[in-house]
Amino acid sequence: MPESTAQPQAQPSPRTEPTPITADATATPGELLARAQADYANAHPADPDGGDQ
């Protein structure tokens, strides 16, 4: 059997590709900073002793 019977490598479907972060292209540095701080706060809950808040 010739190798041509093998399926060609298909491009990943758009549904499986990560969603492009288009908002970052137009976001201001302040918006990016606020977003990063919110992401960090969500990923790292406040310390039990209160931290520096």
Protein backbone atom coordinates (compact mmCIF):
# COMPACT_ATOMS: atom_id res chain seq x y z
CA MET A 1 0.00 0.00 0.00
CA PRO A 2 1.44 3.39 -0.87
CA GLU A 3 1.99 5.84 1.96
CA SER A 4 -0.40 8.27 0.26
CA THR A 5 -3.31 6.38 1.79
CA ALA A 6 -2.39 7.77 5.21
CA GLN A 7 -4.43 10.78 6.20
CA PRO A 8 -2.53 14.06 5.83
CA GLN A 9 -1.80 15.92 9.04
CA ALA A 10 -4.93 17.98 9.56
CA GLN A 11 -4.92 21.50 10.90
CA PRO A 12 -6.37 21.68 14.43
CA SER A 13 -9.99 22.75 14.38
CA PRO A 14 -10.65 26.30 15.57
CA ARG A 15 -12.60 24.89 18.49
CA THR A 16 -9.52 23.19 19.95
CA GLU A 17 -7.15 26.11 19.44
CA PRO A 18 -6.67 28.50 22.36
CA THR A 19 -8.78 31.62 22.07
CA PRO A 20 -6.63 34.54 20.98
CA ILE A 21 -6.56 37.32 23.53
CA THR A 22 -7.57 40.10 21.18
CA ALA A 23 -8.49 42.50 23.97
CA ASP A 24 -4.83 42.82 24.95
CA ALA A 25 -4.04 44.44 21.61
CA THR A 26 -6.16 47.47 22.49
CA ALA A 27 -6.00 47.38 26.29
CA THR A 28 -4.18 50.18 28.07
CA PRO A 29 -1.29 49.33 30.39
CA GLY A 30 -3.56 50.17 33.32
CA GLU A 31 -6.17 47.69 32.11
CA LEU A 32 -3.52 45.02 31.65
CA LEU A 33 -2.17 45.72 35.13
CA ALA A 34 -5.61 45.54 36.71
CA ARG A 35 -6.32 42.30 34.86
CA ALA A 36 -3.01 40.81 35.96
CA GLN A 37 -3.61 41.84 39.57
CA ALA A 38 -7.09 40.31 39.50
CA ASP A 39 -5.74 37.09 38.00
CA TYR A 40 -3.04 36.96 40.67
CA ALA A 41 -5.55 37.63 43.44
CA ASN A 42 -7.75 34.81 42.14
CA ALA A 43 -4.83 32.41 41.90
CA HIS A 44 -3.35 33.41 45.28
CA PRO A 45 -5.97 33.93 47.99
CA ALA A 46 -5.12 36.43 50.71
CA ASP A 47 -2.81 35.19 53.44
CA PRO A 48 -4.55 34.11 56.67
CA ASP A 49 -2.61 36.77 58.60
CA GLY A 50 -3.89 39.52 56.33
CA GLY A 51 -0.71 40.07 54.33
CA ASP A 52 -0.05 43.69 53.39
CA GLN A 53 -3.66 44.64 52.78
